[in-house]
Amino acid sequence: MNQPKVLIVDDDDNSRSVLCDALGGEPYRLLEAVDGQQALNIAGQELPDLILLDVLMPGMDGLATLHQLKAQEKTRHIPVIMVTALNMDSQISLCLDGGAIDHIAKPFSGLVVRARVRAALRNHPSVPVENQALKRGKVIGFIGAKGGAGTTTTAVNVALALLAPERSVAVVEMRPYMGTVAQQLGVVASLNIERLSDCQHSGDINSRTLSNCLTPHPAGLQLLLAPPSFSDQREIAAEQAEGILKVLASMAEYVIVDFPCQPTPAVRAGLHCCNFVVLAVELEATCLASAQAVLKGLNSWGVGGNSVGAVLLHHRAGGGSMTVGAARTHLSCRIVGVIPPEPDLILAALKAGQPLVLSHPESTAAVALIELATRLMADQVPALAF
């Protein structure tokens, strides 16, 4: 087993020696730094399991060093115990508020130092379990060519079609307010993404914080819903979007993401976390023109090629719709699904809070949605053959 690495940071040679002596009989690999900058360098390279950080140092003091450690993704999770000669409540409070897990007062007691270090290594792992298996699940994003294209309806039905006893599925509304997933599934959105507003960095988001925000659906889906009203809106930061999807991918086999058709930082960050992106396109001229514009935008973000496919939606039967063949000539991506028109059934499903694959699984639209889900499960999503 690898020995835990403990980094001791102190400008005073004697203080470092005392701490090294106190921990010398323990099964640790001890590292030393004489100032804040050296501590940051060693922490970034060695990724120690624990840092003992002196508060009073010339130049970059301990608090400034602590803030730098917590601001960097690579070192954010390393537990830090502050070492201080000034045993004042105000200073201790600043250290704990800044992200330290504990403090040790000078002069040292070797017994106390060993006990605090053992407790820190036992209770505060430097790499959270939640983040050790990121991207285990497959993240599939759905984005519309324009509003009202049927993006959310398609995403919800695909999520239900993916669900199986051996497969866990999560659905995320990457929207700051007023999503429709809750309505479509007949659930209440009291637990929603707004609860993550205090998690400003991706490292603040873990399975525990996410579990406190998830709404369970009776069929087995786990839902991270948008706030239900405009007054509850919370803009989602790019780091939050990335953290949400990476951690959910460690919790579920499939993560279905409902993106708004808006070029926000959260949308951009979230799309980069997706294994595949489905562009929902209504079969009519205006939406097809918008779809091609969206594809160009995605490509400029580095999201394109084999990682993007279009699903074509018939919103009405009869005249007024373009043919699938005509749509193929307009789109610069492959077509991975075509959903036939069944407007009455879809409307009834929306009103009942029972999506089509649950309420009418044998309907032609539901069968097409289930076939789309099957294609999306493939490692290389095949284009639809015509």
Protein backbone atom coordinates (compact mmCIF):
# COMPACT_ATOMS: atom_id res chain seq x y z
CA MET A 1 0.00 0.00 0.00
CA ASN A 2 1.28 3.50 -0.81
CA GLN A 3 2.19 5.59 2.21
CA PRO A 4 0.02 8.67 2.73
CA LYS A 5 1.90 11.85 1.85
CA VAL A 6 1.86 14.70 4.37
CA LEU A 7 3.17 18.11 3.32
CA ILE A 8 4.50 20.29 6.17
CA VAL A 9 4.65 24.00 5.33
CA ASP A 10 6.47 26.36 7.69
CA ASP A 11 9.17 29.02 7.20
CA ASP A 12 10.71 28.12 10.57
CA ASP A 13 13.19 25.23 10.34
CA ASN A 14 12.69 24.30 14.00
CA SER A 15 8.90 24.10 13.68
CA ARG A 16 9.18 21.84 10.64
CA SER A 17 11.65 19.62 12.51
CA VAL A 18 9.33 19.31 15.51
CA LEU A 19 6.41 18.29 13.28
CA CYS A 20 8.59 15.84 11.36
CA ASP A 21 9.77 14.31 14.62
CA ALA A 22 6.17 14.02 15.88
CA LEU A 23 5.16 12.15 12.73
CA GLY A 24 8.43 10.31 12.16
CA GLY A 25 7.21 7.07 13.69
CA GLU A 26 4.00 7.06 11.64
CA PRO A 27 3.64 5.31 8.24
CA TYR A 28 3.71 8.57 6.27
CA ARG A 29 5.91 10.03 3.56
CA LEU A 30 6.78 13.53 4.80
CA LEU A 31 7.27 16.45 2.40
CA GLU A 32 8.46 19.92 3.38
CA ALA A 33 7.97 23.44 2.04
CA VAL A 34 9.45 26.66 3.42
CA ASP A 35 6.91 29.14 2.02
CA GLY A 36 3.49 29.40 0.37
CA GLN A 37 4.68 29.35 -3.22
CA GLN A 38 6.80 26.27 -2.69
CA ALA A 39 3.84 24.65 -0.97
CA LEU A 40 1.62 25.33 -4.01
CA ASN A 41 4.24 23.88 -6.35
CA ILE A 42 4.74 20.71 -4.30
CA ALA A 43 0.99 20.27 -3.75
CA GLY A 44 0.34 20.50 -7.49
CA GLN A 45 3.07 18.00 -8.33
CA GLU A 46 2.82 15.51 -5.46
CA LEU A 47 -0.89 15.80 -4.57
CA PRO A 48 -0.31 15.06 -0.87
CA ASP A 49 -3.01 13.40 1.19
CA LEU A 50 -2.79 16.12 3.86
CA ILE A 51 -1.17 19.53 4.31
CA LEU A 52 -0.05 21.03 7.64
CA LEU A 53 0.07 24.75 6.87
CA ASP A 54 1.57 27.44 9.09
CA VAL A 55 -0.49 30.63 9.28
CA LEU A 56 2.24 33.19 9.96
CA MET A 57 4.75 33.15 7.10
CA PRO A 58 6.46 36.03 5.27
CA GLY A 59 5.31 36.83 1.77
CA MET A 60 2.36 34.58 1.00
CA ASP A 61 0.97 33.73 4.43
CA GLY A 62 -0.95 30.61 5.34
CA LEU A 63 -4.42 32.04 4.66
CA ALA A 64 -3.41 33.25 1.21
CA THR A 65 -1.84 29.87 0.47
CA LEU A 66 -5.00 28.13 1.66
CA HIS A 67 -7.14 30.25 -0.66
CA GLN A 68 -4.87 29.40 -3.58
CA LEU A 69 -5.06 25.68 -2.80
CA LYS A 70 -8.85 25.78 -2.68
CA ALA A 71 -9.09 27.85 -5.86
CA GLN A 72 -7.26 25.27 -7.98
CA GLU A 73 -9.16 22.23 -9.24
CA LYS A 74 -6.16 19.95 -8.82
CA THR A 75 -5.60 20.74 -5.13
CA ARG A 76 -9.09 21.75 -4.02
CA HIS A 77 -9.84 18.47 -2.27
CA ILE A 78 -6.58 18.12 -0.31
CA PRO A 79 -7.45 18.48 3.40
CA VAL A 80 -5.52 21.23 5.19
CA ILE A 81 -4.80 21.59 8.91
CA MET A 82 -3.69 25.09 9.86
CA VAL A 83 -0.84 25.49 12.33
CA THR A 84 -0.90 28.70 14.37
CA ALA A 85 0.89 30.29 17.28
CA LEU A 86 -1.95 32.80 17.70
CA ASN A 87 -4.74 30.78 19.29
CA MET A 88 -7.38 33.45 18.64
CA ASP A 89 -10.98 32.63 17.79
CA SER A 90 -11.05 35.18 14.95
CA GLN A 91 -8.02 33.68 13.24
CA ILE A 92 -9.24 30.12 13.70
CA SER A 93 -12.60 31.15 12.24
CA LEU A 94 -10.91 32.64 9.15
CA CYS A 95 -8.97 29.41 8.62
CA LEU A 96 -12.04 27.19 8.90
CA ASP A 97 -14.15 29.50 6.72
CA GLY A 98 -11.35 29.39 4.14
CA GLY A 99 -11.61 25.61 3.81
CA ALA A 100 -9.27 24.23 6.48
CA ILE A 101 -10.58 21.16 8.27
CA ASP A 102 -8.80 21.70 11.61
CA HIS A 103 -6.08 23.66 13.40
CA ILE A 104 -3.15 22.81 15.66
CA ALA A 105 -1.80 25.33 18.16
CA LYS A 106 1.87 25.98 18.84
CA PRO A 107 3.72 24.83 20.92
CA PHE A 108 3.02 21.33 19.62
CA SER A 109 2.05 18.25 21.52
CA GLY A 110 3.31 15.26 19.58
CA LEU A 111 0.40 13.17 20.83
CA VAL A 112 -2.14 15.75 19.59
CA VAL A 113 -0.37 16.19 16.24
CA ARG A 114 -0.44 12.45 15.56
CA ALA A 115 -4.08 12.14 16.60
CA ARG A 116 -5.19 15.10 14.45
CA VAL A 117 -3.30 13.81 11.41
CA ARG A 118 -4.71 10.29 11.78
CA ALA A 119 -8.23 11.68 12.10
CA ALA A 120 -7.79 13.92 9.07
CA LEU A 121 -6.51 11.12 6.87
CA ARG A 122 -9.32 8.84 8.05
CA ASN A 123 -12.21 11.30 7.75
CA HIS A 124 -11.16 13.61 4.90
CA PRO A 125 -9.86 11.69 1.86
CA SER A 126 -7.86 13.90 -0.49
CA VAL A 127 -9.70 12.46 -3.51
CA PRO A 128 -13.43 12.12 -2.74
CA VAL A 129 -14.93 8.73 -3.49
CA GLU A 130 -17.56 10.52 -5.57
CA ASN A 131 -14.95 11.75 -8.01
CA GLN A 132 -12.86 8.60 -8.41
CA ALA A 133 -14.98 7.08 -11.20
CA LEU A 134 -16.11 10.09 -13.20
CA LYS A 135 -17.66 9.52 -16.61
CA ARG A 136 -18.62 5.94 -15.81
CA GLY A 137 -22.05 6.58 -17.30
CA LYS A 138 -22.87 7.84 -20.76
CA VAL A 139 -23.98 11.48 -20.99
CA ILE A 140 -26.41 12.26 -23.81
CA GLY A 141 -27.44 15.86 -24.41
CA PHE A 142 -30.61 17.04 -26.14
CA ILE A 143 -30.80 20.55 -27.58
CA GLY A 144 -33.44 22.08 -29.82
CA ALA A 145 -32.92 23.84 -33.12
CA LYS A 146 -35.36 26.39 -31.70
CA GLY A 147 -37.82 26.71 -28.85
CA GLY A 148 -40.84 24.45 -29.11
CA ALA A 149 -39.11 21.85 -31.26
CA GLY A 150 -40.04 19.04 -28.88
CA THR A 151 -36.63 18.69 -27.25
CA THR A 152 -37.79 18.00 -23.69
CA THR A 153 -40.52 15.57 -24.77
CA THR A 154 -37.98 13.61 -26.80
CA ALA A 155 -35.41 13.61 -23.98
CA VAL A 156 -37.91 12.43 -21.35
CA ASN A 157 -39.24 9.61 -23.52
CA VAL A 158 -35.73 8.46 -24.43
CA ALA A 159 -34.76 8.46 -20.74
CA LEU A 160 -37.72 6.22 -19.91
CA ALA A 161 -36.92 3.96 -22.85
CA LEU A 162 -33.34 3.57 -21.59
CA LEU A 163 -34.48 2.64 -18.09
CA ALA A 164 -34.22 -1.03 -17.13
CA PRO A 165 -33.72 -3.00 -13.90
CA GLU A 166 -30.00 -3.24 -14.66
CA ARG A 167 -29.66 0.36 -15.90
CA SER A 168 -29.93 3.55 -13.86
CA VAL A 169 -30.90 6.75 -15.65
CA ALA A 170 -30.76 10.39 -14.50
CA VAL A 171 -32.38 13.36 -16.22
CA VAL A 172 -31.01 16.90 -15.87
CA GLU A 173 -32.76 20.11 -16.86
CA MET A 174 -29.80 22.40 -17.51
CA ARG A 175 -32.09 25.41 -17.28
CA PRO A 176 -32.14 28.32 -14.80
CA TYR A 177 -35.94 28.24 -14.40
CA MET A 178 -39.32 26.95 -15.58
CA GLY A 179 -38.50 23.60 -17.13
CA THR A 180 -41.25 21.20 -18.20
CA VAL A 181 -39.81 17.82 -17.19
CA ALA A 182 -41.72 17.83 -13.88
CA GLN A 183 -45.00 18.52 -15.68
CA GLN A 184 -44.37 15.84 -18.29
CA LEU A 185 -43.60 13.26 -15.62
CA GLY A 186 -46.30 14.35 -13.17
CA VAL A 187 -43.93 15.18 -10.30
CA VAL A 188 -43.42 18.24 -8.10
CA ALA A 189 -40.23 20.28 -8.62
CA SER A 190 -39.71 21.28 -4.97
CA LEU A 191 -36.32 19.54 -5.06
CA ASN A 192 -34.38 21.16 -7.88
CA ILE A 193 -31.11 22.55 -9.18
CA GLU A 194 -31.55 25.77 -7.18
CA ARG A 195 -30.31 23.87 -4.11
CA LEU A 196 -26.86 23.78 -5.72
CA SER A 197 -26.58 27.57 -5.84
CA ASP A 198 -24.05 27.54 -2.98
CA CYS A 199 -21.82 25.07 -4.87
CA GLN A 200 -19.83 27.61 -6.85
CA HIS A 201 -17.11 25.23 -8.05
CA SER A 202 -17.29 21.82 -9.67
CA GLY A 203 -15.34 20.42 -6.72
CA ASP A 204 -18.13 21.48 -4.35
CA ILE A 205 -20.55 19.10 -6.08
CA ASN A 206 -20.51 15.46 -5.04
CA SER A 207 -22.93 12.55 -4.82
CA ARG A 208 -24.16 13.71 -1.42
CA THR A 209 -24.98 17.25 -2.48
CA LEU A 210 -26.59 16.00 -5.69
CA SER A 211 -28.64 13.34 -3.92
CA ASN A 212 -30.20 16.08 -1.80
CA CYS A 213 -31.49 17.74 -4.98
CA LEU A 214 -32.77 14.74 -6.94
CA THR A 215 -36.46 14.01 -7.37
CA PRO A 216 -37.28 10.31 -7.79
CA HIS A 217 -39.82 9.26 -10.43
CA PRO A 218 -41.96 6.17 -9.75
CA ALA A 219 -40.59 4.47 -12.87
CA GLY A 220 -37.06 4.75 -11.46
CA LEU A 221 -35.63 7.90 -13.05
CA GLN A 222 -33.62 10.32 -10.90
CA LEU A 223 -34.47 13.90 -11.85
CA LEU A 224 -32.44 17.09 -11.37
CA LEU A 225 -35.12 19.60 -12.19
CA ALA A 226 -35.09 23.30 -13.00
CA PRO A 227 -36.70 25.71 -10.51
CA PRO A 228 -40.45 25.79 -11.18
CA SER A 229 -40.92 29.57 -11.38
CA PHE A 230 -39.21 32.61 -12.83
CA SER A 231 -38.78 34.13 -9.38
CA ASP A 232 -36.67 31.14 -8.31
CA GLN A 233 -34.29 31.36 -11.25
CA ARG A 234 -30.61 30.71 -10.63
CA GLU A 235 -28.14 31.14 -13.44
CA ILE A 236 -25.98 28.04 -13.76
CA ALA A 237 -22.24 28.67 -13.95
CA ALA A 238 -20.05 26.72 -16.34
CA GLU A 239 -18.19 25.04 -13.47
CA GLN A 240 -21.47 24.01 -11.87
CA ALA A 241 -22.73 22.47 -15.10
CA GLU A 242 -19.51 20.53 -15.53
CA GLY A 243 -19.51 19.33 -11.92
CA ILE A 244 -23.15 18.22 -12.08
CA LEU A 245 -22.68 16.10 -15.18
CA LYS A 246 -19.37 14.57 -14.16
CA VAL A 247 -20.66 13.48 -10.77
CA LEU A 248 -24.01 12.26 -12.12
CA ALA A 249 -22.07 10.18 -14.65
CA SER A 250 -20.48 8.41 -11.69
CA MET A 251 -23.93 7.76 -10.21
CA ALA A 252 -25.97 6.58 -13.21
CA GLU A 253 -25.45 4.42 -16.30
CA TYR A 254 -27.04 7.10 -18.48
CA VAL A 255 -27.42 10.84 -17.93
CA ILE A 256 -29.94 12.57 -20.19
CA VAL A 257 -29.50 16.36 -20.34
CA ASP A 258 -32.20 18.76 -21.53
CA PHE A 259 -30.37 21.89 -22.74
CA PRO A 260 -32.03 25.19 -23.67
CA CYS A 261 -31.21 26.47 -27.15
CA GLN A 262 -29.20 29.37 -25.76
CA PRO A 263 -25.41 29.89 -26.04
CA THR A 264 -24.75 30.29 -22.31
CA PRO A 265 -21.50 29.29 -20.57
CA ALA A 266 -23.37 26.49 -18.77
CA VAL A 267 -24.70 25.08 -22.04
CA ARG A 268 -21.26 25.20 -23.61
CA ALA A 269 -19.59 23.50 -20.62
CA GLY A 270 -22.36 20.91 -20.40
CA LEU A 271 -22.19 20.02 -24.07
CA HIS A 272 -18.47 19.36 -23.73
CA CYS A 273 -19.29 16.76 -21.05
CA CYS A 274 -21.60 14.84 -23.39
CA ASN A 275 -20.65 11.63 -25.14
CA PHE A 276 -23.29 12.40 -27.76
CA VAL A 277 -25.54 15.37 -28.56
CA VAL A 278 -28.99 15.01 -30.15
CA LEU A 279 -30.31 18.03 -32.05
CA ALA A 280 -34.14 18.08 -32.09
CA VAL A 281 -35.38 19.42 -35.44
CA GLU A 282 -38.98 19.94 -36.45
CA LEU A 283 -39.59 19.09 -40.08
CA GLU A 284 -40.36 22.57 -41.33
CA ALA A 285 -38.28 25.14 -43.19
CA THR A 286 -37.74 27.68 -40.37
CA CYS A 287 -36.59 25.04 -37.89
CA LEU A 288 -34.28 23.42 -40.44
CA ALA A 289 -32.62 26.77 -41.08
CA SER A 290 -32.20 27.27 -37.33
CA ALA A 291 -30.80 23.75 -37.03
CA GLN A 292 -28.02 24.42 -39.47
CA ALA A 293 -27.13 27.62 -37.58
CA VAL A 294 -27.02 25.66 -34.30
CA LEU A 295 -24.79 23.02 -35.88
CA LYS A 296 -22.34 25.71 -36.98
CA GLY A 297 -22.33 27.14 -33.47
CA LEU A 298 -21.72 23.73 -31.93
CA ASN A 299 -18.89 23.09 -34.35
CA SER A 300 -17.27 26.40 -33.39
CA TRP A 301 -17.31 25.15 -29.78
CA GLY A 302 -15.61 21.92 -30.78
CA VAL A 303 -18.83 19.90 -30.52
CA GLY A 304 -19.57 18.19 -33.82
CA GLY A 305 -18.63 15.43 -36.21
CA ASN A 306 -19.57 11.95 -35.02
CA SER A 307 -20.65 13.23 -31.61
CA VAL A 308 -23.75 15.03 -32.96
CA GLY A 309 -26.87 13.68 -34.67
CA ALA A 310 -30.32 15.02 -35.49
CA VAL A 311 -33.70 13.59 -34.60
CA LEU A 312 -36.45 14.75 -36.97
CA LEU A 313 -39.84 15.42 -35.43
CA HIS A 314 -43.16 15.50 -37.31
CA HIS A 315 -45.43 17.77 -35.32
CA ARG A 316 -48.38 17.36 -37.63
CA ALA A 317 -49.55 14.94 -40.28
CA GLY A 318 -50.29 15.91 -43.86
CA GLY A 319 -49.11 19.02 -45.68
CA GLY A 320 -46.85 21.75 -44.38
CA SER A 321 -43.99 19.47 -43.38
CA MET A 322 -40.81 18.89 -45.30
CA THR A 323 -39.77 15.40 -46.27
CA VAL A 324 -36.99 13.53 -44.52
CA GLY A 325 -35.06 13.50 -47.79
CA ALA A 326 -35.24 17.28 -48.06
CA ALA A 327 -34.12 17.61 -44.45
CA ARG A 328 -31.06 15.46 -45.14
CA THR A 329 -29.90 17.91 -47.79
CA HIS A 330 -30.21 20.82 -45.34
CA LEU A 331 -28.36 19.30 -42.38
CA SER A 332 -24.62 18.85 -42.02
CA CYS A 333 -24.98 16.01 -39.49
CA ARG A 334 -26.32 12.50 -39.66
CA ILE A 335 -29.93 11.68 -38.79
CA VAL A 336 -30.29 9.28 -35.89
CA GLY A 337 -34.07 9.21 -35.57
CA VAL A 338 -37.37 10.20 -37.13
CA ILE A 339 -40.43 10.52 -34.88
CA PRO A 340 -43.75 10.22 -36.76
CA PRO A 341 -46.67 12.55 -36.02
CA GLU A 342 -49.12 11.54 -33.30
CA PRO A 343 -50.12 14.97 -31.92
CA ASP A 344 -53.27 13.83 -30.12
CA LEU A 345 -51.50 11.07 -28.22
CA ILE A 346 -48.57 13.34 -27.34
CA LEU A 347 -50.91 16.07 -26.07
CA ALA A 348 -52.84 13.55 -23.96
CA ALA A 349 -49.58 12.21 -22.56
CA LEU A 350 -48.46 15.70 -21.59
CA LYS A 351 -51.74 16.44 -19.84
CA ALA A 352 -51.65 13.16 -17.94
CA GLY A 353 -48.00 13.41 -16.90
CA GLN A 354 -47.45 10.03 -18.55
CA PRO A 355 -44.97 10.22 -21.45
CA LEU A 356 -45.78 8.30 -24.60
CA VAL A 357 -43.44 5.35 -23.97
CA LEU A 358 -45.33 4.71 -20.72
CA SER A 359 -48.90 5.55 -21.75
CA HIS A 360 -48.89 4.22 -25.32
CA PRO A 361 -45.75 2.10 -25.77
CA GLU A 362 -47.10 0.41 -28.91
CA SER A 363 -47.85 3.64 -30.77
CA THR A 364 -45.70 4.37 -33.81
CA ALA A 365 -44.14 7.46 -32.17
CA ALA A 366 -43.29 5.53 -28.98
CA VAL A 367 -41.75 2.71 -31.00
CA ALA A 368 -39.62 5.26 -32.87
CA LEU A 369 -38.51 6.81 -29.57
CA ILE A 370 -37.60 3.40 -28.16
CA GLU A 371 -35.60 2.65 -31.33
CA LEU A 372 -33.81 6.00 -30.93
CA ALA A 373 -32.89 5.07 -27.35
CA THR A 374 -31.53 1.73 -28.57
CA ARG A 375 -29.30 3.47 -31.12
CA LEU A 376 -28.05 5.93 -28.52
CA MET A 377 -26.91 3.04 -26.32
CA ALA A 378 -24.43 1.96 -28.99
CA ASP A 379 -20.81 3.05 -28.54
CA GLN A 380 -20.86 4.42 -32.09
CA VAL A 381 -24.34 5.86 -32.64
CA PRO A 382 -25.43 4.70 -36.12
CA ALA A 383 -27.12 6.98 -38.60
CA LEU A 384 -30.67 6.05 -39.53
CA ALA A 385 -30.86 4.05 -42.73
CA PHE A 386 -33.40 5.21 -45.29
